[in-house]
């Protein structure tokens, strides 16, 4: 077997391994992707909670100011 044949065999083996890995990710899903989406959702939820808290505190302060003035 010459060096070109050896290179073709190695490349074919690597492509087969990559194809198997890609098929496995398609079938079983990519856990890193799920973790990223989960982090994004938690971040959005936390921002929403902080917004609600800020709105409640602002409303309270405004009503107290209205009572004084």
PDB file of N, CA and C in Angstrom:
ATOM      1  N   UNK A   1       0.855  -1.172   0.000  1.00  0.00           N
ATOM      2  CA  UNK A   1       0.000   0.000   0.000  1.00  0.00           C
ATOM      3  C   UNK A   1       0.902   1.236   0.000  1.00  0.00           C
ATOM      4  N   UNK A   2       0.683   2.142  -0.926  1.00  0.00           N
ATOM      5  CA  UNK A   2       1.508   3.348  -0.965  1.00  0.00           C
ATOM      6  C   UNK A   2       0.944   4.405  -0.010  1.00  0.00           C
ATOM      7  N   UNK A   3       1.627   5.518   0.108  1.00  0.00           N
ATOM      8  CA  UNK A   3       1.253   6.541   1.078  1.00  0.00           C
ATOM      9  C   UNK A   3      -0.095   7.188   0.741  1.00  0.00           C
ATOM     10  N   UNK A   4      -0.425   7.291  -0.551  1.00  0.00           N
ATOM     11  CA  UNK A   4      -1.712   7.869  -0.943  1.00  0.00           C
ATOM     12  C   UNK A   4      -2.852   6.959  -0.508  1.00  0.00           C
ATOM     13  N   UNK A   5      -2.687   5.656  -0.709  1.00  0.00           N
ATOM     14  CA  UNK A   5      -3.708   4.709  -0.264  1.00  0.00           C
ATOM     15  C   UNK A   5      -3.863   4.764   1.256  1.00  0.00           C
ATOM     16  N   UNK A   6      -2.768   4.861   1.958  1.00  0.00           N
ATOM     17  CA  UNK A   6      -2.804   4.937   3.420  1.00  0.00           C
ATOM     18  C   UNK A   6      -3.528   6.202   3.878  1.00  0.00           C
ATOM     19  N   UNK A   7      -3.258   7.306   3.194  1.00  0.00           N
ATOM     20  CA  UNK A   7      -3.926   8.564   3.522  1.00  0.00           C
ATOM     21  C   UNK A   7      -5.420   8.465   3.263  1.00  0.00           C
ATOM     22  N   UNK A   8      -5.817   7.844   2.171  1.00  0.00           N
ATOM     23  CA  UNK A   8      -7.236   7.678   1.847  1.00  0.00           C
ATOM     24  C   UNK A   8      -7.920   6.808   2.900  1.00  0.00           C
ATOM     25  N   UNK A   9      -7.277   5.756   3.344  1.00  0.00           N
ATOM     26  CA  UNK A   9      -7.855   4.882   4.369  1.00  0.00           C
ATOM     27  C   UNK A   9      -8.010   5.640   5.686  1.00  0.00           C
ATOM     28  N   UNK A  10      -6.981   6.376   6.093  1.00  0.00           N
ATOM     29  CA  UNK A  10      -7.063   7.145   7.338  1.00  0.00           C
ATOM     30  C   UNK A  10      -8.165   8.195   7.262  1.00  0.00           C
ATOM     31  N   UNK A  11      -8.250   8.893   6.140  1.00  0.00           N
ATOM     32  CA  UNK A  11      -9.278   9.922   5.969  1.00  0.00           C
ATOM     33  C   UNK A  11     -10.670   9.316   5.987  1.00  0.00           C
ATOM     34  N   UNK A  12     -10.830   8.183   5.324  1.00  0.00           N
ATOM     35  CA  UNK A  12     -12.119   7.494   5.315  1.00  0.00           C
ATOM     36  C   UNK A  12     -12.522   7.057   6.718  1.00  0.00           C
ATOM     37  N   UNK A  13     -11.561   6.529   7.474  1.00  0.00           N
ATOM     38  CA  UNK A  13     -11.844   6.129   8.846  1.00  0.00           C
ATOM     39  C   UNK A  13     -12.244   7.320   9.710  1.00  0.00           C
ATOM     40  N   UNK A  14     -11.572   8.442   9.545  1.00  0.00           N
ATOM     41  CA  UNK A  14     -11.913   9.641  10.306  1.00  0.00           C
ATOM     42  C   UNK A  14     -13.295  10.153   9.926  1.00  0.00           C
ATOM     43  N   UNK A  15     -13.618  10.132   8.642  1.00  0.00           N
ATOM     44  CA  UNK A  15     -14.940  10.577   8.207  1.00  0.00           C
ATOM     45  C   UNK A  15     -16.043   9.668   8.744  1.00  0.00           C
ATOM     46  N   UNK A  16     -15.785   8.375   8.775  1.00  0.00           N
ATOM     47  CA  UNK A  16     -16.765   7.430   9.338  1.00  0.00           C
ATOM     48  C   UNK A  16     -16.981   7.705  10.820  1.00  0.00           C
ATOM     49  N   UNK A  17     -15.896   7.967  11.539  1.00  0.00           N
ATOM     50  CA  UNK A  17     -16.012   8.262  12.971  1.00  0.00           C
ATOM     51  C   UNK A  17     -16.800   9.548  13.191  1.00  0.00           C
ATOM     52  N   UNK A  18     -16.539  10.571  12.390  1.00  0.00           N
ATOM     53  CA  UNK A  18     -17.281  11.829  12.505  1.00  0.00           C
ATOM     54  C   UNK A  18     -18.757  11.637  12.171  1.00  0.00           C
ATOM     55  N   UNK A  19     -19.045  10.815  11.166  1.00  0.00           N
ATOM     56  CA  UNK A  19     -20.426  10.555  10.778  1.00  0.00           C
ATOM     57  C   UNK A  19     -21.167   9.831  11.895  1.00  0.00           C
ATOM     58  N   UNK A  20     -20.510   8.866  12.538  1.00  0.00           N
ATOM     59  CA  UNK A  20     -21.131   8.147  13.651  1.00  0.00           C
ATOM     60  C   UNK A  20     -21.393   9.091  14.825  1.00  0.00           C
ATOM     61  N   UNK A  21     -20.435   9.975  15.094  1.00  0.00           N
ATOM     62  CA  UNK A  21     -20.588  10.930  16.188  1.00  0.00           C
ATOM     63  C   UNK A  21     -21.738  11.901  15.894  1.00  0.00           C
ATOM     64  N   UNK A  22     -21.829  12.374  14.662  1.00  0.00           N
ATOM     65  CA  UNK A  22     -22.913  13.286  14.287  1.00  0.00           C
ATOM     66  C   UNK A  22     -24.264  12.590  14.367  1.00  0.00           C
ATOM     67  N   UNK A  23     -24.328  11.340  13.933  1.00  0.00           N
ATOM     68  CA  UNK A  23     -25.580  10.590  14.012  1.00  0.00           C
ATOM     69  C   UNK A  23     -26.002  10.393  15.453  1.00  0.00           C
ATOM     70  N   UNK A  24     -25.042  10.109  16.323  1.00  0.00           N
ATOM     71  CA  UNK A  24     -25.338   9.909  17.745  1.00  0.00           C
ATOM     72  C   UNK A  24     -25.891  11.190  18.357  1.00  0.00           C
ATOM     73  N   UNK A  25     -25.321  12.333  18.002  1.00  0.00           N
ATOM     74  CA  UNK A  25     -25.813  13.603  18.535  1.00  0.00           C
ATOM     75  C   UNK A  25     -27.209  13.915  18.004  1.00  0.00           C
ATOM     76  N   UNK A  26     -27.476  13.577  16.762  1.00  0.00           N
ATOM     77  CA  UNK A  26     -28.806  13.822  16.213  1.00  0.00           C
ATOM     78  C   UNK A  26     -29.852  12.949  16.876  1.00  0.00           C
ATOM     79  N   UNK A  27     -29.501  11.705  17.163  1.00  0.00           N
ATOM     80  CA  UNK A  27     -30.454  10.773  17.759  1.00  0.00           C
ATOM     81  C   UNK A  27     -30.652  11.068  19.239  1.00  0.00           C
ATOM     82  N   UNK A  28     -29.566  11.268  19.965  1.00  0.00           N
ATOM     83  CA  UNK A  28     -29.646  11.424  21.409  1.00  0.00           C
ATOM     84  C   UNK A  28     -29.667  12.884  21.847  1.00  0.00           C
ATOM     85  N   UNK A  29     -29.482  13.804  20.962  1.00  0.00           N
ATOM     86  CA  UNK A  29     -29.448  15.212  21.312  1.00  0.00           C
ATOM     87  C   UNK A  29     -28.086  15.623  21.842  1.00  0.00           C
ATOM     88  N   UNK A  30     -27.866  16.877  21.849  1.00  0.00           N
ATOM     89  CA  UNK A  30     -26.601  17.427  22.327  1.00  0.00           C
ATOM     90  C   UNK A  30     -26.821  17.992  23.722  1.00  0.00           C
ATOM     91  N   UNK A  31     -26.256  17.368  24.766  1.00  0.00           N
ATOM     92  CA  UNK A  31     -26.501  17.839  26.126  1.00  0.00           C
ATOM     93  C   UNK A  31     -25.986  19.249  26.377  1.00  0.00           C
ATOM     94  N   UNK A  32     -24.920  19.657  25.717  1.00  0.00           N
ATOM     95  CA  UNK A  32     -24.413  21.017  25.898  1.00  0.00           C
ATOM     96  C   UNK A  32     -25.422  22.037  25.403  1.00  0.00           C
ATOM     97  N   UNK A  33     -26.104  21.730  24.336  1.00  0.00           N
ATOM     98  CA  UNK A  33     -27.115  22.643  23.792  1.00  0.00           C
ATOM     99  C   UNK A  33     -28.259  22.809  24.779  1.00  0.00           C
ATOM    100  N   UNK A  34     -28.677  21.713  25.395  1.00  0.00           N
ATOM    101  CA  UNK A  34     -29.740  21.774  26.386  1.00  0.00           C
ATOM    102  C   UNK A  34     -29.349  22.607  27.587  1.00  0.00           C
ATOM    103  N   UNK A  35     -28.099  22.478  28.027  1.00  0.00           N
ATOM    104  CA  UNK A  35     -27.617  23.266  29.155  1.00  0.00           C
ATOM    105  C   UNK A  35     -27.603  24.747  28.812  1.00  0.00           C
ATOM    106  N   UNK A  36     -27.229  25.079  27.601  1.00  0.00           N
ATOM    107  CA  UNK A  36     -27.184  26.479  27.179  1.00  0.00           C
ATOM    108  C   UNK A  36     -28.588  27.066  27.168  1.00  0.00           C
ATOM    109  N   UNK A  37     -29.544  26.341  26.618  1.00  0.00           N
ATOM    110  CA  UNK A  37     -30.917  26.826  26.579  1.00  0.00           C
ATOM    111  C   UNK A  37     -31.454  26.985  27.997  1.00  0.00           C
ATOM    112  N   UNK A  38     -31.117  26.036  28.872  1.00  0.00           N
ATOM    113  CA  UNK A  38     -31.573  26.124  30.259  1.00  0.00           C
ATOM    114  C   UNK A  38     -30.999  27.363  30.937  1.00  0.00           C
ATOM    115  N   UNK A  39     -29.737  27.650  30.712  1.00  0.00           N
ATOM    116  CA  UNK A  39     -29.120  28.848  31.304  1.00  0.00           C
ATOM    117  C   UNK A  39     -29.784  30.122  30.788  1.00  0.00           C
ATOM    118  N   UNK A  40     -30.086  30.144  29.504  1.00  0.00           N
ATOM    119  CA  UNK A  40     -30.745  31.319  28.927  1.00  0.00           C
ATOM    120  C   UNK A  40     -32.123  31.509  29.562  1.00  0.00           C
ATOM    121  N   UNK A  41     -32.879  30.427  29.707  1.00  0.00           N
ATOM    122  CA  UNK A  41     -34.205  30.524  30.308  1.00  0.00           C
ATOM    123  C   UNK A  41     -34.132  30.990  31.765  1.00  0.00           C
ATOM    124  N   UNK A  42     -33.179  30.464  32.529  1.00  0.00           N
ATOM    125  CA  UNK A  42     -33.020  30.909  33.911  1.00  0.00           C
ATOM    126  C   UNK A  42     -32.640  32.385  33.971  1.00  0.00           C
ATOM    127  N   UNK A  43     -31.790  32.822  33.059  1.00  0.00           N
ATOM    128  CA  UNK A  43     -31.390  34.232  33.024  1.00  0.00           C
ATOM    129  C   UNK A  43     -32.579  35.119  32.725  1.00  0.00           C
ATOM    130  N   UNK A  44     -33.392  34.733  31.742  1.00  0.00           N
ATOM    131  CA  UNK A  44     -34.586  35.509  31.396  1.00  0.00           C
ATOM    132  C   UNK A  44     -35.549  35.550  32.579  1.00  0.00           C
ATOM    133  N   UNK A  45     -35.737  34.415  33.258  1.00  0.00           N
ATOM    134  CA  UNK A  45     -36.622  34.371  34.416  1.00  0.00           C
ATOM    135  C   UNK A  45     -36.113  35.278  35.532  1.00  0.00           C
ATOM    136  N   UNK A  46     -34.810  35.254  35.780  1.00  0.00           N
ATOM    137  CA  UNK A  46     -34.228  36.088  36.829  1.00  0.00           C
ATOM    138  C   UNK A  46     -34.381  37.566  36.489  1.00  0.00           C
ATOM    139  N   UNK A  47     -34.160  37.931  35.243  1.00  0.00           N
ATOM    140  CA  UNK A  47     -34.338  39.326  34.827  1.00  0.00           C
ATOM    141  C   UNK A  47     -35.787  39.747  35.018  1.00  0.00           C
ATOM    142  N   UNK A  48     -36.718  38.845  34.690  1.00  0.00           N
ATOM    143  CA  UNK A  48     -38.142  39.141  34.891  1.00  0.00           C
ATOM    144  C   UNK A  48     -38.477  39.351  36.356  1.00  0.00           C
ATOM    145  N   UNK A  49     -37.947  38.492  37.236  1.00  0.00           N
ATOM    146  CA  UNK A  49     -38.197  38.643  38.675  1.00  0.00           C
ATOM    147  C   UNK A  49     -37.616  39.945  39.214  1.00  0.00           C
ATOM    148  N   UNK A  50     -36.434  40.295  38.768  1.00  0.00           N
ATOM    149  CA  UNK A  50     -35.822  41.551  39.203  1.00  0.00           C
ATOM    150  C   UNK A  50     -36.662  42.730  38.712  1.00  0.00           C
ATOM    151  N   UNK A  51     -37.163  42.649  37.496  1.00  0.00           N
ATOM    152  CA  UNK A  51     -38.030  43.711  36.968  1.00  0.00           C
ATOM    153  C   UNK A  51     -39.301  43.865  37.780  1.00  0.00           C
ATOM    154  N   UNK A  52     -39.903  42.744  38.174  1.00  0.00           N
ATOM    155  CA  UNK A  52     -41.112  42.787  38.999  1.00  0.00           C
ATOM    156  C   UNK A  52     -40.803  43.404  40.357  1.00  0.00           C
ATOM    157  N   UNK A  53     -39.672  43.011  40.944  1.00  0.00           N
ATOM    158  CA  UNK A  53     -39.285  43.562  42.250  1.00  0.00           C
ATOM    159  C   UNK A  53     -39.040  45.066  42.150  1.00  0.00           C
ATOM    160  N   UNK A  54     -38.366  45.506  41.119  1.00  0.00           N
ATOM    161  CA  UNK A  54     -38.097  46.934  40.940  1.00  0.00           C
ATOM    162  C   UNK A  54     -39.411  47.689  40.756  1.00  0.00           C
ATOM    163  N   UNK A  55     -40.331  47.143  39.981  1.00  0.00           N
ATOM    164  CA  UNK A  55     -41.624  47.799  39.771  1.00  0.00           C
ATOM    165  C   UNK A  55     -42.400  47.893  41.079  1.00  0.00           C
ATOM    166  N   UNK A  56     -42.380  46.829  41.895  1.00  0.00           N
ATOM    167  CA  UNK A  56     -43.094  46.850  43.169  1.00  0.00           C
ATOM    168  C   UNK A  56     -42.489  47.877  44.123  1.00  0.00           C
ATOM    169  N   UNK A  57     -41.170  47.920  44.208  1.00  0.00           N
ATOM    170  CA  UNK A  57     -40.508  48.884  45.095  1.00  0.00           C
ATOM    171  C   UNK A  57     -40.771  50.305  44.624  1.00  0.00           C
ATOM    172  N   UNK A  58     -40.707  50.530  43.318  1.00  0.00           N
ATOM    173  CA  UNK A  58     -40.973  51.859  42.768  1.00  0.00           C
ATOM    174  C   UNK A  58     -42.406  52.283  43.066  1.00  0.00           C
ATOM    175  N   UNK A  59     -43.356  51.386  42.904  1.00  0.00           N
ATOM    176  CA  UNK A  59     -44.758  51.713  43.192  1.00  0.00           C
ATOM    177  C   UNK A  59     -44.929  52.039  44.672  1.00  0.00           C
ATOM    178  N   UNK A  60     -44.309  51.262  45.538  1.00  0.00           N
ATOM    179  CA  UNK A  60     -44.399  51.519  46.985  1.00  0.00           C
ATOM    180  C   UNK A  60     -43.821  52.883  47.333  1.00  0.00           C
ATOM    181  N   UNK A  61     -42.635  53.159  46.811  1.00  0.00           N
ATOM    182  CA  UNK A  61     -41.989  54.460  47.110  1.00  0.00           C
ATOM    183  C   UNK A  61     -42.845  55.612  46.583  1.00  0.00           C
ATOM    184  N   UNK A  62     -43.388  55.459  45.388  1.00  0.00           N
ATOM    185  CA  UNK A  62     -44.230  56.515  44.833  1.00  0.00           C
ATOM    186  C   UNK A  62     -45.478  56.762  45.676  1.00  0.00           C
ATOM    187  N   UNK A  63     -46.113  55.693  46.185  1.00  0.00           N
ATOM    188  CA  UNK A  63     -47.293  55.883  47.034  1.00  0.00           C
ATOM    189  C   UNK A  63     -46.917  56.517  48.353  1.00  0.00           C
ATOM    190  N   UNK A  64     -45.771  56.173  48.906  1.00  0.00           N
ATOM    191  CA  UNK A  64     -45.338  56.814  50.163  1.00  0.00           C
ATOM    192  C   UNK A  64     -45.027  58.293  49.944  1.00  0.00           C
ATOM    193  N   UNK A  65     -44.432  58.619  48.805  1.00  0.00           N
ATOM    194  CA  UNK A  65     -44.151  60.016  48.489  1.00  0.00           C
ATOM    195  C   UNK A  65     -45.455  60.783  48.311  1.00  0.00           C
ATOM    196  N   UNK A  66     -46.443  60.152  47.656  1.00  0.00           N
ATOM    197  CA  UNK A  66     -47.741  60.804  47.450  1.00  0.00           C
ATOM    198  C   UNK A  66     -48.438  61.053  48.792  1.00  0.00           C
ATOM    199  N   UNK A  67     -48.274  60.145  49.760  1.00  0.00           N
ATOM    200  CA  UNK A  67     -48.897  60.326  51.078  1.00  0.00           C
ATOM    201  C   UNK A  67     -48.261  61.494  51.817  1.00  0.00           C
ATOM    202  N   UNK A  68     -46.961  61.662  51.655  1.00  0.00           N
ATOM    203  CA  UNK A  68     -46.237  62.739  52.349  1.00  0.00           C
ATOM    204  C   UNK A  68     -46.572  64.089  51.725  1.00  0.00           C
ATOM    205  N   UNK A  69     -46.553  64.134  50.417  1.00  0.00           N
ATOM    206  CA  UNK A  69     -46.731  65.411  49.706  1.00  0.00           C
ATOM    207  C   UNK A  69     -48.126  65.682  49.458  1.00  0.00           C
TER     208      UNK A  69
END
